[in-house]
Amino acid sequence: NLARILINHIHGGHHSSMFWVRVPLISPEDLRDDLIENEPVASCEQESSVEERTWMWWHNFRTLCDYNKRIALAIEIGADLSSEHIIDRWLGEPLKAAILPTNIFLTNKKGFPVLAKSHQRLIFRLFKLEVQFIITGTNHHTEKDFCCYLQYLEYLSQNRPPPNAYEMFAKGYEDYLQSPLQPLMDNLESQTYEVFEKDPVKYSQ
């Protein structure tokens, strides 16, 4: 119903508004605060289906909206993270924002909020996509001002790993399909072959 209402509003209104859909990285009912003794361990297939559950929510909703470009994703990052291949799938979606609850932040020795290493790696990848960050929740570091969360994100941004040559070359064209070149049919310039040689999959492995 929400997809139908939203798509009718987009097609019927005279505006260019973007709509961000808030989706959690992991469903709240799949979060486990502690392990229950003698509880049967889930198989790898079951764990994978659990991790993909919220992505399927988003996929089904976006399909019902006919993949409208004005509907984007705001991913909510919790204390638990999905596996790498699930995160890769999320990062392939039209991400516009990342929601960071204050309760996922840890406290360092000086009393400032910090993120775990796994969360930091995800934040670094989100920086490359130039998403906006939304901090929600109450201040869990009462001795510090609330803006300390923003200051920490700025610190991560300043200390993120530099982009490699491939990322710099492909920046801005990650989501565009390129017309295939025909080296045997067309007379390609040497500069075009230099572009081919930047392919790390073909030339580095």
N, C-alpha and C. Protein backbone atom coordinates (compact mmCIF):
# COMPACT_ATOMS: atom_id res chain seq x y z
N ASN A 1 0.83 -1.21 0.00
CA ASN A 1 0.00 0.00 0.00
C ASN A 1 0.86 1.26 0.00
N LEU A 2 1.92 1.24 0.81
CA LEU A 2 2.81 2.40 0.87
C LEU A 2 3.47 2.65 -0.49
N ALA A 3 3.90 1.58 -1.15
CA ALA A 3 4.52 1.73 -2.47
C ALA A 3 3.54 2.34 -3.46
N ARG A 4 2.30 1.89 -3.43
CA ARG A 4 1.29 2.44 -4.35
C ARG A 4 1.02 3.91 -4.07
N ILE A 5 0.89 4.27 -2.79
CA ILE A 5 0.64 5.67 -2.43
C ILE A 5 1.80 6.55 -2.84
N LEU A 6 3.01 6.06 -2.59
CA LEU A 6 4.20 6.85 -2.90
C LEU A 6 4.37 7.06 -4.39
N ILE A 7 4.19 6.01 -5.18
CA ILE A 7 4.39 6.14 -6.61
C ILE A 7 3.30 7.01 -7.24
N ASN A 8 2.07 6.93 -6.70
CA ASN A 8 1.00 7.81 -7.19
C ASN A 8 1.30 9.27 -6.86
N HIS A 9 1.88 9.50 -5.68
CA HIS A 9 2.24 10.86 -5.28
C HIS A 9 3.34 11.41 -6.19
N ILE A 10 4.30 10.57 -6.53
CA ILE A 10 5.40 11.02 -7.39
C ILE A 10 4.88 11.35 -8.79
N HIS A 11 4.03 10.49 -9.33
CA HIS A 11 3.54 10.70 -10.69
C HIS A 11 2.48 11.80 -10.78
N GLY A 12 1.75 11.99 -9.69
CA GLY A 12 0.67 12.97 -9.72
C GLY A 12 1.05 14.35 -9.25
N GLY A 13 2.17 14.47 -8.56
CA GLY A 13 2.57 15.77 -8.03
C GLY A 13 3.49 16.53 -8.95
N HIS A 14 3.48 17.84 -8.84
CA HIS A 14 4.36 18.70 -9.64
C HIS A 14 5.52 19.16 -8.75
N HIS A 15 6.39 18.22 -8.45
CA HIS A 15 7.54 18.52 -7.59
C HIS A 15 8.66 17.56 -7.96
N SER A 16 9.82 17.84 -7.46
CA SER A 16 10.99 17.00 -7.74
C SER A 16 11.60 16.46 -6.46
N SER A 17 10.79 16.22 -5.46
CA SER A 17 11.28 15.76 -4.16
C SER A 17 11.85 14.35 -4.27
N MET A 18 12.89 14.11 -3.46
CA MET A 18 13.44 12.77 -3.32
C MET A 18 12.85 12.14 -2.06
N PHE A 19 12.69 10.84 -2.09
CA PHE A 19 12.15 10.11 -0.95
C PHE A 19 13.16 9.06 -0.51
N TRP A 20 13.54 9.14 0.76
CA TRP A 20 14.48 8.18 1.32
C TRP A 20 13.72 7.17 2.15
N VAL A 21 13.94 5.91 1.87
CA VAL A 21 13.28 4.83 2.61
C VAL A 21 14.25 4.31 3.66
N ARG A 22 13.84 4.36 4.92
CA ARG A 22 14.68 3.92 6.02
C ARG A 22 14.55 2.41 6.21
N VAL A 23 15.66 1.70 6.05
CA VAL A 23 15.67 0.24 6.16
C VAL A 23 16.82 -0.17 7.08
N PRO A 24 16.57 -1.01 8.07
CA PRO A 24 17.67 -1.46 8.94
C PRO A 24 18.55 -2.47 8.22
N LEU A 25 19.83 -2.44 8.56
CA LEU A 25 20.76 -3.40 7.98
C LEU A 25 20.40 -4.82 8.39
N ILE A 26 19.99 -4.99 9.64
CA ILE A 26 19.54 -6.28 10.15
C ILE A 26 18.21 -6.05 10.86
N SER A 27 17.26 -6.94 10.64
CA SER A 27 15.95 -6.82 11.26
C SER A 27 16.06 -6.85 12.78
N PRO A 28 15.32 -6.00 13.50
CA PRO A 28 15.43 -5.97 14.98
C PRO A 28 15.15 -7.31 15.63
N GLU A 29 14.23 -8.10 15.08
CA GLU A 29 13.92 -9.38 15.71
C GLU A 29 15.02 -10.42 15.48
N ASP A 30 15.96 -10.11 14.57
CA ASP A 30 17.06 -11.03 14.34
C ASP A 30 18.30 -10.69 15.17
N LEU A 31 18.24 -9.59 15.92
CA LEU A 31 19.36 -9.23 16.78
C LEU A 31 19.31 -10.08 18.04
N ARG A 32 20.45 -10.53 18.49
CA ARG A 32 20.52 -11.38 19.67
C ARG A 32 21.47 -10.74 20.67
N ASP A 33 20.93 -10.35 21.82
CA ASP A 33 21.76 -9.73 22.84
C ASP A 33 22.66 -10.75 23.53
N ASP A 34 22.21 -11.96 23.64
CA ASP A 34 23.04 -13.00 24.25
C ASP A 34 22.66 -14.35 23.66
N LEU A 35 23.52 -15.32 23.88
CA LEU A 35 23.28 -16.67 23.37
C LEU A 35 22.54 -17.49 24.41
N ILE A 36 21.62 -18.28 23.95
CA ILE A 36 20.86 -19.14 24.84
C ILE A 36 21.52 -20.52 24.86
N GLU A 37 21.79 -21.01 26.05
CA GLU A 37 22.48 -22.28 26.19
C GLU A 37 21.65 -23.40 25.56
N ASN A 38 22.35 -24.30 24.86
CA ASN A 38 21.75 -25.47 24.20
C ASN A 38 20.81 -25.10 23.06
N GLU A 39 20.83 -23.83 22.65
CA GLU A 39 20.01 -23.46 21.49
C GLU A 39 20.65 -23.99 20.22
N PRO A 40 19.88 -24.63 19.35
CA PRO A 40 20.48 -25.16 18.11
C PRO A 40 21.10 -24.06 17.27
N VAL A 41 22.26 -24.36 16.71
CA VAL A 41 22.99 -23.38 15.91
C VAL A 41 22.39 -23.35 14.50
N ALA A 42 22.16 -22.14 13.99
CA ALA A 42 21.58 -21.99 12.65
C ALA A 42 22.61 -22.37 11.60
N SER A 43 22.15 -22.97 10.54
CA SER A 43 23.03 -23.34 9.44
C SER A 43 23.44 -22.10 8.66
N CYS A 44 24.44 -22.27 7.79
CA CYS A 44 24.91 -21.14 7.00
C CYS A 44 23.81 -20.61 6.09
N GLU A 45 22.98 -21.52 5.53
CA GLU A 45 21.90 -21.07 4.66
C GLU A 45 20.87 -20.27 5.45
N GLN A 46 20.57 -20.72 6.69
CA GLN A 46 19.61 -19.98 7.51
C GLN A 46 20.15 -18.61 7.88
N GLU A 47 21.43 -18.54 8.24
CA GLU A 47 22.04 -17.25 8.59
C GLU A 47 22.02 -16.31 7.40
N SER A 48 22.30 -16.85 6.20
CA SER A 48 22.30 -16.02 5.00
C SER A 48 20.90 -15.47 4.72
N SER A 49 19.87 -16.29 4.88
CA SER A 49 18.50 -15.84 4.63
C SER A 49 18.09 -14.78 5.64
N VAL A 50 18.57 -14.91 6.89
CA VAL A 50 18.27 -13.91 7.91
C VAL A 50 18.93 -12.58 7.55
N GLU A 51 20.18 -12.64 7.11
CA GLU A 51 20.89 -11.42 6.75
C GLU A 51 20.27 -10.73 5.54
N GLU A 52 19.69 -11.51 4.63
CA GLU A 52 19.12 -10.94 3.43
C GLU A 52 17.69 -10.46 3.62
N ARG A 53 17.12 -10.69 4.80
CA ARG A 53 15.70 -10.39 5.00
C ARG A 53 15.38 -8.93 4.74
N THR A 54 16.12 -8.02 5.35
CA THR A 54 15.80 -6.60 5.17
C THR A 54 16.13 -6.13 3.76
N TRP A 55 17.15 -6.74 3.14
CA TRP A 55 17.43 -6.37 1.75
C TRP A 55 16.26 -6.78 0.87
N MET A 56 15.63 -7.91 1.15
CA MET A 56 14.46 -8.34 0.38
C MET A 56 13.29 -7.38 0.61
N TRP A 57 13.17 -6.84 1.83
CA TRP A 57 12.13 -5.81 2.06
C TRP A 57 12.33 -4.67 1.08
N TRP A 58 13.57 -4.17 1.06
CA TRP A 58 13.89 -3.03 0.19
C TRP A 58 13.71 -3.40 -1.28
N HIS A 59 14.17 -4.58 -1.68
CA HIS A 59 14.08 -5.01 -3.08
C HIS A 59 12.63 -5.11 -3.52
N ASN A 60 11.79 -5.70 -2.70
CA ASN A 60 10.37 -5.84 -3.06
C ASN A 60 9.68 -4.48 -3.13
N PHE A 61 10.02 -3.61 -2.17
CA PHE A 61 9.40 -2.27 -2.16
C PHE A 61 9.83 -1.48 -3.40
N ARG A 62 11.10 -1.54 -3.73
CA ARG A 62 11.60 -0.79 -4.89
C ARG A 62 11.04 -1.36 -6.18
N THR A 63 10.85 -2.67 -6.23
CA THR A 63 10.25 -3.28 -7.41
C THR A 63 8.82 -2.79 -7.60
N LEU A 64 8.06 -2.73 -6.50
CA LEU A 64 6.69 -2.24 -6.59
C LEU A 64 6.64 -0.78 -7.03
N CYS A 65 7.70 -0.04 -6.72
CA CYS A 65 7.79 1.37 -7.13
C CYS A 65 8.42 1.52 -8.52
N ASP A 66 8.60 0.41 -9.22
CA ASP A 66 9.11 0.42 -10.59
C ASP A 66 10.48 1.07 -10.68
N TYR A 67 11.31 0.86 -9.66
CA TYR A 67 12.69 1.34 -9.62
C TYR A 67 12.79 2.84 -9.92
N ASN A 68 11.85 3.59 -9.36
CA ASN A 68 11.84 5.03 -9.58
C ASN A 68 13.11 5.66 -9.00
N LYS A 69 13.75 6.51 -9.78
CA LYS A 69 15.03 7.10 -9.37
C LYS A 69 14.88 8.11 -8.23
N ARG A 70 13.66 8.54 -7.96
CA ARG A 70 13.45 9.50 -6.88
C ARG A 70 13.23 8.82 -5.53
N ILE A 71 13.31 7.51 -5.53
CA ILE A 71 13.20 6.75 -4.29
C ILE A 71 14.57 6.16 -4.00
N ALA A 72 15.17 6.59 -2.91
CA ALA A 72 16.51 6.16 -2.55
C ALA A 72 16.49 5.48 -1.18
N LEU A 73 17.65 5.06 -0.76
CA LEU A 73 17.77 4.24 0.45
C LEU A 73 18.52 4.99 1.55
N ALA A 74 17.97 4.89 2.76
CA ALA A 74 18.66 5.37 3.97
C ALA A 74 18.85 4.16 4.87
N ILE A 75 20.05 3.64 4.91
CA ILE A 75 20.31 2.40 5.63
C ILE A 75 20.60 2.71 7.10
N GLU A 76 19.98 1.95 7.99
CA GLU A 76 20.20 2.13 9.43
C GLU A 76 21.19 1.07 9.90
N ILE A 77 22.29 1.52 10.47
CA ILE A 77 23.37 0.63 10.89
C ILE A 77 23.23 0.36 12.39
N GLY A 78 23.14 -0.90 12.73
CA GLY A 78 23.01 -1.29 14.13
C GLY A 78 24.32 -1.77 14.72
N ALA A 79 24.24 -2.30 15.93
CA ALA A 79 25.45 -2.79 16.60
C ALA A 79 26.01 -4.02 15.91
N ASP A 80 25.12 -4.84 15.32
CA ASP A 80 25.56 -6.03 14.57
C ASP A 80 25.59 -5.71 13.09
N LEU A 81 26.60 -6.24 12.41
CA LEU A 81 26.74 -6.02 10.98
C LEU A 81 26.56 -7.33 10.23
N SER A 82 26.12 -7.21 9.00
CA SER A 82 25.96 -8.38 8.14
C SER A 82 27.33 -8.81 7.62
N SER A 83 27.35 -9.95 6.94
CA SER A 83 28.59 -10.45 6.35
C SER A 83 28.99 -9.55 5.17
N GLU A 84 30.22 -9.72 4.72
CA GLU A 84 30.77 -8.83 3.71
C GLU A 84 29.98 -8.87 2.40
N HIS A 85 29.57 -10.06 1.96
CA HIS A 85 28.88 -10.12 0.67
C HIS A 85 27.48 -9.50 0.76
N ILE A 86 26.86 -9.51 1.93
CA ILE A 86 25.58 -8.84 2.09
C ILE A 86 25.78 -7.33 2.09
N ILE A 87 26.83 -6.85 2.75
CA ILE A 87 27.13 -5.42 2.76
C ILE A 87 27.45 -4.94 1.34
N ASP A 88 28.17 -5.76 0.58
CA ASP A 88 28.45 -5.40 -0.82
C ASP A 88 27.15 -5.21 -1.59
N ARG A 89 26.17 -6.04 -1.31
CA ARG A 89 24.87 -5.93 -2.00
C ARG A 89 24.19 -4.62 -1.63
N TRP A 90 24.24 -4.26 -0.33
CA TRP A 90 23.64 -3.00 0.10
C TRP A 90 24.32 -1.81 -0.58
N LEU A 91 25.64 -1.86 -0.67
CA LEU A 91 26.38 -0.73 -1.23
C LEU A 91 26.15 -0.58 -2.73
N GLY A 92 25.56 -1.58 -3.35
CA GLY A 92 25.20 -1.46 -4.76
C GLY A 92 23.85 -0.82 -4.98
N GLU A 93 23.15 -0.50 -3.91
CA GLU A 93 21.84 0.13 -4.01
C GLU A 93 22.00 1.66 -4.05
N PRO A 94 20.93 2.40 -4.40
CA PRO A 94 21.02 3.88 -4.44
C PRO A 94 21.03 4.48 -3.04
N LEU A 95 22.16 4.36 -2.38
CA LEU A 95 22.30 4.85 -1.00
C LEU A 95 22.46 6.36 -0.98
N LYS A 96 21.66 7.02 -0.18
CA LYS A 96 21.77 8.47 -0.01
C LYS A 96 22.13 8.86 1.42
N ALA A 97 21.83 7.99 2.38
CA ALA A 97 22.08 8.33 3.77
C ALA A 97 22.36 7.07 4.58
N ALA A 98 23.11 7.25 5.66
CA ALA A 98 23.36 6.19 6.62
C ALA A 98 22.97 6.71 8.00
N ILE A 99 22.11 5.96 8.68
CA ILE A 99 21.60 6.37 9.99
C ILE A 99 22.42 5.65 11.06
N LEU A 100 23.02 6.43 11.95
CA LEU A 100 23.88 5.89 13.00
C LEU A 100 23.25 6.17 14.36
N PRO A 101 22.67 5.18 15.02
CA PRO A 101 22.16 5.39 16.38
C PRO A 101 23.33 5.61 17.35
N THR A 102 23.12 6.43 18.34
CA THR A 102 24.19 6.72 19.29
C THR A 102 24.56 5.50 20.13
N ASN A 103 23.66 4.51 20.23
CA ASN A 103 23.96 3.36 21.09
C ASN A 103 24.96 2.39 20.46
N ILE A 104 25.37 2.61 19.20
CA ILE A 104 26.37 1.73 18.61
C ILE A 104 27.78 2.26 18.86
N PHE A 105 27.90 3.46 19.41
CA PHE A 105 29.21 4.05 19.68
C PHE A 105 29.77 3.51 20.98
N LEU A 106 31.07 3.25 20.99
CA LEU A 106 31.79 2.85 22.19
C LEU A 106 32.41 4.09 22.82
N THR A 107 33.10 3.90 23.91
CA THR A 107 33.75 5.02 24.61
C THR A 107 35.24 4.73 24.73
N ASN A 108 36.06 5.69 24.30
CA ASN A 108 37.51 5.49 24.42
C ASN A 108 38.00 5.93 25.80
N LYS A 109 39.30 5.89 26.02
CA LYS A 109 39.87 6.18 27.34
C LYS A 109 39.63 7.62 27.77
N LYS A 110 39.47 8.51 26.80
CA LYS A 110 39.25 9.91 27.12
C LYS A 110 37.77 10.27 27.23
N GLY A 111 36.90 9.28 27.09
CA GLY A 111 35.47 9.52 27.24
C GLY A 111 34.76 9.96 25.98
N PHE A 112 35.44 9.89 24.83
CA PHE A 112 34.83 10.30 23.57
C PHE A 112 34.20 9.10 22.87
N PRO A 113 33.16 9.32 22.07
CA PRO A 113 32.54 8.21 21.34
C PRO A 113 33.41 7.77 20.17
N VAL A 114 33.51 6.46 20.00
CA VAL A 114 34.25 5.87 18.89
C VAL A 114 33.44 4.69 18.37
N LEU A 115 33.80 4.21 17.20
CA LEU A 115 33.15 3.05 16.60
C LEU A 115 34.12 1.87 16.58
N ALA A 116 33.56 0.67 16.59
CA ALA A 116 34.38 -0.53 16.48
C ALA A 116 35.05 -0.58 15.12
N LYS A 117 36.11 -1.37 15.01
CA LYS A 117 36.87 -1.46 13.76
C LYS A 117 35.99 -1.88 12.59
N SER A 118 35.10 -2.84 12.82
CA SER A 118 34.23 -3.30 11.73
C SER A 118 33.32 -2.18 11.25
N HIS A 119 32.80 -1.38 12.18
CA HIS A 119 31.96 -0.25 11.80
C HIS A 119 32.79 0.83 11.08
N GLN A 120 34.01 1.01 11.52
CA GLN A 120 34.86 2.00 10.86
C GLN A 120 35.10 1.63 9.40
N ARG A 121 35.34 0.35 9.14
CA ARG A 121 35.56 -0.08 7.76
C ARG A 121 34.33 0.18 6.90
N LEU A 122 33.14 -0.03 7.48
CA LEU A 122 31.91 0.25 6.74
C LEU A 122 31.75 1.74 6.49
N ILE A 123 32.07 2.56 7.48
CA ILE A 123 31.98 4.02 7.33
C ILE A 123 32.92 4.50 6.23
N PHE A 124 34.13 3.94 6.18
CA PHE A 124 35.08 4.32 5.13
C PHE A 124 34.50 4.01 3.74
N ARG A 125 33.82 2.90 3.61
CA ARG A 125 33.22 2.54 2.32
C ARG A 125 32.06 3.47 1.99
N LEU A 126 31.33 3.90 3.01
CA LEU A 126 30.22 4.82 2.78
C LEU A 126 30.73 6.21 2.39
N PHE A 127 31.88 6.59 2.92
CA PHE A 127 32.47 7.87 2.53
C PHE A 127 32.71 7.92 1.03
N LYS A 128 33.14 6.79 0.46
CA LYS A 128 33.41 6.76 -0.99
C LYS A 128 32.15 6.99 -1.81
N LEU A 129 30.99 6.63 -1.25
CA LEU A 129 29.73 6.83 -1.95
C LEU A 129 29.13 8.21 -1.68
N GLU A 130 29.80 8.98 -0.83
CA GLU A 130 29.38 10.35 -0.51
C GLU A 130 27.96 10.40 0.04
N VAL A 131 27.64 9.47 0.93
CA VAL A 131 26.33 9.46 1.57
C VAL A 131 26.31 10.48 2.70
N GLN A 132 25.12 10.87 3.10
CA GLN A 132 24.94 11.74 4.25
C GLN A 132 24.75 10.88 5.49
N PHE A 133 25.24 11.37 6.63
CA PHE A 133 25.13 10.63 7.88
C PHE A 133 24.13 11.31 8.79
N ILE A 134 23.24 10.50 9.36
CA ILE A 134 22.22 10.98 10.29
C ILE A 134 22.44 10.30 11.63
N ILE A 135 22.68 11.07 12.66
CA ILE A 135 22.90 10.52 14.00
C ILE A 135 21.60 10.65 14.79
N THR A 136 21.13 9.53 15.32
CA THR A 136 19.87 9.51 16.05
C THR A 136 20.09 8.97 17.46
N GLY A 137 19.15 9.28 18.35
CA GLY A 137 19.22 8.77 19.71
C GLY A 137 19.69 9.82 20.70
N THR A 138 19.71 9.42 21.95
CA THR A 138 20.14 10.32 23.02
C THR A 138 21.65 10.30 23.18
N ASN A 139 22.16 11.29 23.83
CA ASN A 139 23.60 11.39 24.06
C ASN A 139 24.00 10.41 25.16
N HIS A 140 24.75 9.38 24.80
CA HIS A 140 25.22 8.39 25.76
C HIS A 140 26.56 8.77 26.38
N HIS A 141 27.11 9.88 25.96
CA HIS A 141 28.36 10.40 26.52
C HIS A 141 28.06 11.77 27.12
N THR A 142 27.40 11.73 28.26
CA THR A 142 26.84 12.95 28.85
C THR A 142 27.90 13.96 29.23
N GLU A 143 29.13 13.51 29.44
CA GLU A 143 30.19 14.47 29.79
C GLU A 143 30.67 15.25 28.57
N LYS A 144 30.29 14.80 27.40
CA LYS A 144 30.69 15.47 26.15
C LYS A 144 29.45 16.05 25.48
N ASP A 145 29.70 17.04 24.63
CA ASP A 145 28.60 17.65 23.89
C ASP A 145 28.15 16.69 22.79
N PHE A 146 26.89 16.83 22.36
CA PHE A 146 26.34 15.92 21.36
C PHE A 146 27.11 16.01 20.04
N CYS A 147 27.70 17.15 19.76
CA CYS A 147 28.42 17.31 18.49
C CYS A 147 29.70 16.48 18.44
N CYS A 148 30.06 15.84 19.57
CA CYS A 148 31.26 15.00 19.56
C CYS A 148 31.09 13.81 18.62
N TYR A 149 29.84 13.38 18.37
CA TYR A 149 29.61 12.31 17.41
C TYR A 149 29.95 12.78 16.00
N LEU A 150 29.55 14.00 15.69
CA LEU A 150 29.87 14.56 14.38
C LEU A 150 31.37 14.79 14.24
N GLN A 151 32.01 15.24 15.31
CA GLN A 151 33.45 15.46 15.27
C GLN A 151 34.20 14.16 15.02
N TYR A 152 33.68 13.07 15.58
CA TYR A 152 34.33 11.78 15.35
C TYR A 152 34.19 11.35 13.88
N LEU A 153 33.03 11.59 13.27
CA LEU A 153 32.87 11.27 11.86
C LEU A 153 33.80 12.13 11.00
N GLU A 154 33.96 13.37 11.37
CA GLU A 154 34.89 14.23 10.64
C GLU A 154 36.33 13.73 10.78
N TYR A 155 36.65 13.22 11.95
CA TYR A 155 37.98 12.64 12.18
C TYR A 155 38.19 11.42 11.28
N LEU A 156 37.17 10.55 11.19
CA LEU A 156 37.28 9.39 10.31
C LEU A 156 37.42 9.82 8.85
N SER A 157 36.69 10.85 8.46
CA SER A 157 36.75 11.32 7.09
C SER A 157 38.15 11.83 6.74
N GLN A 158 38.78 12.51 7.68
CA GLN A 158 40.12 13.05 7.44
C GLN A 158 41.19 11.97 7.44
N ASN A 159 40.92 10.84 8.08
CA ASN A 159 41.92 9.78 8.21
C ASN A 159 41.54 8.51 7.42
N ARG A 160 40.63 8.67 6.48
CA ARG A 160 40.26 7.50 5.70
C ARG A 160 41.36 7.14 4.71
N PRO A 161 41.43 5.88 4.30
CA PRO A 161 42.46 5.47 3.35
C PRO A 161 42.31 6.21 2.02
N PRO A 162 43.40 6.61 1.41
CA PRO A 162 43.29 7.32 0.13
C PRO A 162 42.78 6.39 -0.96
N PRO A 163 42.05 6.92 -1.94
CA PRO A 163 41.56 6.07 -3.04
C PRO A 163 42.70 5.57 -3.90
N ASN A 164 42.55 4.36 -4.41
CA ASN A 164 43.58 3.83 -5.31
C ASN A 164 43.36 4.39 -6.71
N ALA A 165 44.26 4.03 -7.62
CA ALA A 165 44.21 4.59 -8.98
C ALA A 165 42.92 4.20 -9.69
N TYR A 166 42.47 2.97 -9.47
CA TYR A 166 41.24 2.51 -10.13
C TYR A 166 40.03 3.30 -9.65
N GLU A 167 39.93 3.52 -8.33
CA GLU A 167 38.79 4.25 -7.77
C GLU A 167 38.78 5.70 -8.25
N MET A 168 39.96 6.31 -8.34
CA MET A 168 40.02 7.69 -8.83
C MET A 168 39.62 7.77 -10.29
N PHE A 169 40.01 6.78 -11.07
CA PHE A 169 39.71 6.80 -12.49
C PHE A 169 38.22 6.57 -12.75
N ALA A 170 37.59 5.70 -11.94
CA ALA A 170 36.19 5.34 -12.17
C ALA A 170 35.22 6.22 -11.40
N LYS A 171 35.71 7.18 -10.65
CA LYS A 171 34.83 8.01 -9.82
C LYS A 171 33.81 8.74 -10.67
N GLY A 172 32.55 8.61 -10.27
CA GLY A 172 31.46 9.26 -10.98
C GLY A 172 30.79 8.39 -12.02
N TYR A 173 31.42 7.25 -12.35
CA TYR A 173 30.85 6.37 -13.38
C TYR A 173 30.58 4.96 -12.84
N GLU A 174 30.48 4.84 -11.50
CA GLU A 174 30.31 3.51 -10.92
C GLU A 174 28.99 2.86 -11.33
N ASP A 175 27.95 3.63 -11.50
CA ASP A 175 26.62 3.08 -11.76
C ASP A 175 26.16 3.29 -13.20
N TYR A 176 27.10 3.48 -14.11
CA TYR A 176 26.74 3.70 -15.51
C TYR A 176 27.21 2.51 -16.36
N LEU A 177 26.33 2.06 -17.22
CA LEU A 177 26.70 1.02 -18.17
C LEU A 177 27.40 1.66 -19.36
N GLN A 178 28.53 1.11 -19.73
CA GLN A 178 29.30 1.63 -20.84
C GLN A 178 29.06 0.78 -22.09
N SER A 179 29.03 1.43 -23.23
CA SER A 179 28.88 0.70 -24.48
C SER A 179 30.13 -0.15 -24.73
N PRO A 180 29.95 -1.42 -25.08
CA PRO A 180 31.13 -2.28 -25.30
C PRO A 180 31.92 -1.82 -26.52
N LEU A 181 33.23 -1.82 -26.38
CA LEU A 181 34.10 -1.45 -27.50
C LEU A 181 34.40 -2.69 -28.35
N GLN A 182 34.67 -2.45 -29.62
CA GLN A 182 34.95 -3.52 -30.57
C GLN A 182 36.35 -3.33 -31.14
N PRO A 183 37.38 -3.86 -30.45
CA PRO A 183 38.76 -3.64 -30.92
C PRO A 183 39.02 -4.18 -32.33
N LEU A 184 38.32 -5.26 -32.71
CA LEU A 184 38.56 -5.83 -34.04
C LEU A 184 37.80 -5.09 -35.13
N MET A 185 36.76 -4.39 -34.75
CA MET A 185 35.93 -3.67 -35.73
C MET A 185 36.33 -2.21 -35.84
N ASP A 186 36.61 -1.59 -34.69
CA ASP A 186 36.92 -0.16 -34.68
C ASP A 186 38.41 0.06 -34.47
N ASN A 187 38.90 1.16 -35.02
CA ASN A 187 40.30 1.55 -34.83
C ASN A 187 40.39 2.35 -33.53
N LEU A 188 40.84 1.70 -32.46
CA LEU A 188 40.88 2.34 -31.15
C LEU A 188 42.23 3.02 -30.94
N GLU A 189 42.20 4.16 -30.25
CA GLU A 189 43.42 4.89 -29.98
C GLU A 189 44.21 4.20 -28.86
N SER A 190 45.48 4.52 -28.79
CA SER A 190 46.33 3.92 -27.76
C SER A 190 45.86 4.31 -26.36
N GLN A 191 45.26 5.50 -26.24
CA GLN A 191 44.76 5.93 -24.94
C GLN A 191 43.64 5.02 -24.46
N THR A 192 42.85 4.50 -25.39
CA THR A 192 41.78 3.59 -25.02
C THR A 192 42.35 2.29 -24.45
N TYR A 193 43.45 1.82 -25.05
CA TYR A 193 44.08 0.60 -24.52
C TYR A 193 44.69 0.86 -23.14
N GLU A 194 45.14 2.06 -22.89
CA GLU A 194 45.64 2.39 -21.56
C GLU A 194 44.53 2.29 -20.52
N VAL A 195 43.31 2.62 -20.93
CA VAL A 195 42.17 2.46 -20.04
C VAL A 195 41.93 0.99 -19.74
N PHE A 196 42.05 0.14 -20.77
CA PHE A 196 41.89 -1.30 -20.57
C PHE A 196 42.88 -1.81 -19.53
N GLU A 197 44.10 -1.32 -19.57
CA GLU A 197 45.14 -1.82 -18.69
C GLU A 197 44.94 -1.39 -17.24
N LYS A 198 43.99 -0.51 -16.99
CA LYS A 198 43.70 -0.11 -15.62
C LYS A 198 42.75 -1.10 -14.93
N ASP A 199 42.29 -2.09 -15.67
CA ASP A 199 41.38 -3.08 -15.11
C ASP A 199 42.15 -4.00 -14.17
N PRO A 200 41.90 -3.91 -12.86
CA PRO A 200 42.70 -4.71 -11.91
C PRO A 200 42.35 -6.19 -11.98
N VAL A 201 41.13 -6.54 -12.39
CA VAL A 201 40.74 -7.95 -12.44
C VAL A 201 41.52 -8.67 -13.54
N LYS A 202 41.67 -8.02 -14.66
CA LYS A 202 42.31 -8.66 -15.81
C LYS A 202 43.84 -8.62 -15.74
N TYR A 203 44.39 -7.52 -15.25
CA TYR A 203 45.82 -7.31 -15.36
C TYR A 203 46.59 -7.49 -14.05
N SER A 204 45.87 -7.56 -12.92
CA SER A 204 46.57 -7.66 -11.64
C SER A 204 46.49 -9.04 -11.02
N GLN A 205 45.56 -9.86 -11.48
CA GLN A 205 45.37 -11.18 -10.87
C GLN A 205 45.94 -12.29 -11.74
